[in-house]
C-alpha atoms as a PDB file:
ATOM      1  CA  MET A   1     130.585 103.856 112.949  1.00  0.00           C
ATOM      2  CA  SER A   2     127.994 105.647 114.972  1.00  0.00           C
ATOM      3  CA  ASN A   3     127.413 105.108 118.668  1.00  0.00           C
ATOM      4  CA  ASN A   4     124.090 103.372 118.043  1.00  0.00           C
ATOM      5  CA  ASP A   5     125.169 100.835 115.427  1.00  0.00           C
ATOM      6  CA  TRP A   6     124.593  97.979 117.890  1.00  0.00           C
ATOM      7  CA  LYS A   7     120.841  98.512 117.427  1.00  0.00           C
ATOM      8  CA  GLU A   8     121.195  97.600 113.765  1.00  0.00           C
ATOM      9  CA  ARG A   9     122.900  94.319 114.724  1.00  0.00           C
ATOM     10  CA  LEU A  10     120.259  93.019 117.122  1.00  0.00           C
ATOM     11  CA  GLY A  11     119.716  89.335 116.516  1.00  0.00           C
ATOM     12  CA  VAL A  12     123.156  88.845 114.944  1.00  0.00           C
ATOM     13  CA  VAL A  13     125.121  85.924 116.332  1.00  0.00           C
ATOM     14  CA  PHE A  14     128.532  86.823 117.783  1.00  0.00           C
ATOM     15  CA  SER A  15     131.555  86.158 115.587  1.00  0.00           C
ATOM     16  CA  THR A  16     135.064  85.424 116.914  1.00  0.00           C
ATOM     17  CA  ASN A  17     136.606  86.442 113.601  1.00  0.00           C
ATOM     18  CA  PRO A  18     138.226  89.890 114.168  1.00  0.00           C
ATOM     19  CA  ASP A  19     137.952  90.693 110.436  1.00  0.00           C
ATOM     20  CA  HIS A  20     134.205  89.948 110.271  1.00  0.00           C
ATOM     21  CA  GLN A  21     132.142  92.681 108.649  1.00  0.00           C
ATOM     22  CA  PHE A  22     128.442  92.939 109.369  1.00  0.00           C
ATOM     23  CA  ASN A  23     126.208  92.989 106.307  1.00  0.00           C
ATOM     24  CA  TYR A  24     123.211  95.201 106.789  1.00  0.00           C
ATOM     25  CA  ASP A  25     120.086  94.541 104.782  1.00  0.00           C
ATOM     26  CA  GLU A  26     119.527  97.698 102.844  1.00  0.00           C
ATOM     27  CA  GLU A  27     115.995  98.461 101.801  1.00  0.00           C
ATOM     28  CA  GLU A  28     115.539  98.522  98.087  1.00  0.00           C
ATOM     29  CA  ASN A  29     114.136 101.902  97.187  1.00  0.00           C
ATOM     30  CA  GLU A  30     112.004 101.328  94.165  1.00  0.00           C
ATOM     31  CA  GLU A  31     112.118 104.209  91.739  1.00  0.00           C
ATOM     32  CA  THR A  32     108.761 105.976  91.592  1.00  0.00           C
ATOM     33  CA  LEU A  33     107.445 106.511  88.095  1.00  0.00           C
ATOM     34  CA  SER A  34     106.363 110.027  87.211  1.00  0.00           C
ATOM     35  CA  ILE A  35     102.683 110.868  87.531  1.00  0.00           C
ATOM     36  CA  ASN A  36     101.958 110.681  83.797  1.00  0.00           C
ATOM     37  CA  GLN A  37     103.654 107.238  83.552  1.00  0.00           C
ATOM     38  CA  GLN A  38     101.581 105.663  86.343  1.00  0.00           C
ATOM     39  CA  ASP A  39      98.842 103.354  85.066  1.00  0.00           C
ATOM     40  CA  LEU A  40      96.381 103.019  87.940  1.00  0.00           C
ATOM     41  CA  ARG A  41      93.298 100.799  88.164  1.00  0.00           C
ATOM     42  CA  VAL A  42      90.359 101.697  90.379  1.00  0.00           C
ATOM     43  CA  SER A  43      87.830  99.037  91.354  1.00  0.00           C
ATOM     44  CA  LEU A  44      85.127  98.317  93.899  1.00  0.00           C
ATOM     45  CA  ASP A  45      85.820  95.280  96.044  1.00  0.00           C
ATOM     46  CA  LYS A  46      83.921  93.478  98.784  1.00  0.00           C
ATOM     47  CA  LYS A  47      85.547  90.052  98.752  1.00  0.00           C
ATOM     48  CA  GLN A  48      86.715  88.822 102.155  1.00  0.00           C
ATOM     49  CA  ARG A  49      85.487  92.048 103.755  1.00  0.00           C
ATOM     50  CA  ARG A  50      82.255  90.740 105.330  1.00  0.00           C
ATOM     51  CA  GLY A  51      80.124  92.470 102.711  1.00  0.00           C
ATOM     52  CA  LYS A  52      81.663  95.914 103.241  1.00  0.00           C
ATOM     53  CA  LYS A  53      82.571  97.797 100.069  1.00  0.00           C
ATOM     54  CA  VAL A  54      86.033  99.262  99.569  1.00  0.00           C
ATOM     55  CA  THR A  55      87.565 101.233  96.745  1.00  0.00           C
ATOM     56  CA  LEU A  56      90.782  99.599  95.606  1.00  0.00           C
ATOM     57  CA  VAL A  57      93.510 101.493  93.715  1.00  0.00           C
ATOM     58  CA  THR A  58      96.160  99.187  92.209  1.00  0.00           C
ATOM     59  CA  GLY A  59      99.023  99.474  89.738  1.00  0.00           C
ATOM     60  CA  PHE A  60     101.129 102.054  91.594  1.00  0.00           C
ATOM     61  CA  VAL A  61     104.835 101.680  90.832  1.00  0.00           C
ATOM     62  CA  GLY A  62     107.118 103.352  93.338  1.00  0.00           C
ATOM     63  CA  SER A  63     108.328 103.620  96.892  1.00  0.00           C
ATOM     64  CA  ASN A  64     106.144 102.902  99.901  1.00  0.00           C
ATOM     65  CA  ASN A  65     106.448 106.516 101.061  1.00  0.00           C
ATOM     66  CA  ASP A  66     105.075 107.818  97.749  1.00  0.00           C
ATOM     67  CA  LEU A  67     102.276 105.244  97.885  1.00  0.00           C
ATOM     68  CA  LYS A  68     101.385 106.328 101.424  1.00  0.00           C
ATOM     69  CA  ASP A  69     101.435 110.001 100.380  1.00  0.00           C
ATOM     70  CA  LEU A  70      99.007 109.286  97.535  1.00  0.00           C
ATOM     71  CA  GLY A  71      96.842 107.204  99.881  1.00  0.00           C
ATOM     72  CA  LYS A  72      96.757 110.039 102.400  1.00  0.00           C
ATOM     73  CA  LEU A  73      95.738 112.502  99.688  1.00  0.00           C
ATOM     74  CA  LEU A  74      92.873 110.272  98.540  1.00  0.00           C
ATOM     75  CA  LYS A  75      91.695 109.529 102.095  1.00  0.00           C
ATOM     76  CA  THR A  76      91.690 113.241 102.914  1.00  0.00           C
ATOM     77  CA  LYS A  77      89.821 114.280  99.757  1.00  0.00           C
ATOM     78  CA  CYS A  78      87.236 111.521 100.219  1.00  0.00           C
ATOM     79  CA  GLY A  79      86.984 112.020 103.986  1.00  0.00           C
ATOM     80  CA  VAL A  80      87.345 108.318 104.783  1.00  0.00           C
ATOM     81  CA  GLY A  81      89.755 105.860 106.354  1.00  0.00           C
ATOM     82  CA  GLY A  82      91.836 103.283 104.610  1.00  0.00           C
ATOM     83  CA  SER A  83      95.349 101.995 104.116  1.00  0.00           C
ATOM     84  CA  ALA A  84      98.190 102.041 101.620  1.00  0.00           C
ATOM     85  CA  LYS A  85     100.513  99.046 101.463  1.00  0.00           C
ATOM     86  CA  ASP A  86     101.776  96.308  99.156  1.00  0.00           C
ATOM     87  CA  GLY A  87     101.289  98.487  96.079  1.00  0.00           C
ATOM     88  CA  GLU A  88      97.595  99.155  96.644  1.00  0.00           C
ATOM     89  CA  ILE A  89      95.463 101.783  98.291  1.00  0.00           C
ATOM     90  CA  ILE A  90      92.264 100.749 100.064  1.00  0.00           C
ATOM     91  CA  LEU A  91      89.564 103.325 100.853  1.00  0.00           C
ATOM     92  CA  GLN A  92      86.575 102.404 102.998  1.00  0.00           C
ATOM     93  CA  GLY A  93      83.384 102.795 100.976  1.00  0.00           C
ATOM     94  CA  ASP A  94      82.373 103.237  97.340  1.00  0.00           C
ATOM     95  CA  PHE A  95      84.374 106.207  96.042  1.00  0.00           C
ATOM     96  CA  CYS A  96      85.416 104.895  92.612  1.00  0.00           C
ATOM     97  CA  ASN A  97      84.108 107.819  90.584  1.00  0.00           C
ATOM     98  CA  LYS A  98      85.474 110.423  92.996  1.00  0.00           C
ATOM     99  CA  VAL A  99      88.900 108.737  93.131  1.00  0.00           C
ATOM    100  CA  ILE A 100      89.082 108.536  89.326  1.00  0.00           C
ATOM    101  CA  GLU A 101      88.179 112.221  89.093  1.00  0.00           C
ATOM    102  CA  ILE A 102      90.842 113.212  91.681  1.00  0.00           C
ATOM    103  CA  LEU A 103      93.573 111.107  90.059  1.00  0.00           C
ATOM    104  CA  LYS A 104      92.811 112.347  86.523  1.00  0.00           C
ATOM    105  CA  LYS A 105      92.842 115.936  87.771  1.00  0.00           C
ATOM    106  CA  ASP A 106      96.337 115.316  89.217  1.00  0.00           C
ATOM    107  CA  GLY A 107      97.552 113.889  85.869  1.00  0.00           C
ATOM    108  CA  TYR A 108      97.472 110.129  86.502  1.00  0.00           C
ATOM    109  CA  LYS A 109      96.388 107.630  83.824  1.00  0.00           C
ATOM    110  CA  VAL A 110      93.400 105.927  85.426  1.00  0.00           C
ATOM    111  CA  LYS A 111      91.030 103.171  84.342  1.00  0.00           C
ATOM    112  CA  ARG A 112      88.090 101.619  86.086  1.00  0.00           C
ATOM    113  CA  SER A 113      88.451  97.887  86.271  1.00  0.00           C
ATOM    114  CA  GLY A 114      85.981  95.125  87.215  1.00  0.00           C
ATOM    115  CA  GLY A 115      83.961  95.041  90.401  1.00  0.00           C
END
């Protein structure tokens, strides 16, 4: 046990059982599919965004870190802000064609969907 393992047990109720073992919730690391196996959908969305348009990339299968890395790449190449969470990447503005071009160039399977 490390010296800082008490931080991982914050919020755990004390047990008087000397044989009690703490169960730590381990994050499930979802296996990231290879680039050529990803089937991404790019769409333009403005629902529940007060009329502002956003480019939405969905269908990513993999870990949150890989999703955030891809989101960062797209935000940098498009020069805009956005976010990457819950399996989707949101870019501020209408960049559907540019995003499709960038993703295809990197080897992703990409389709434009509704919107």
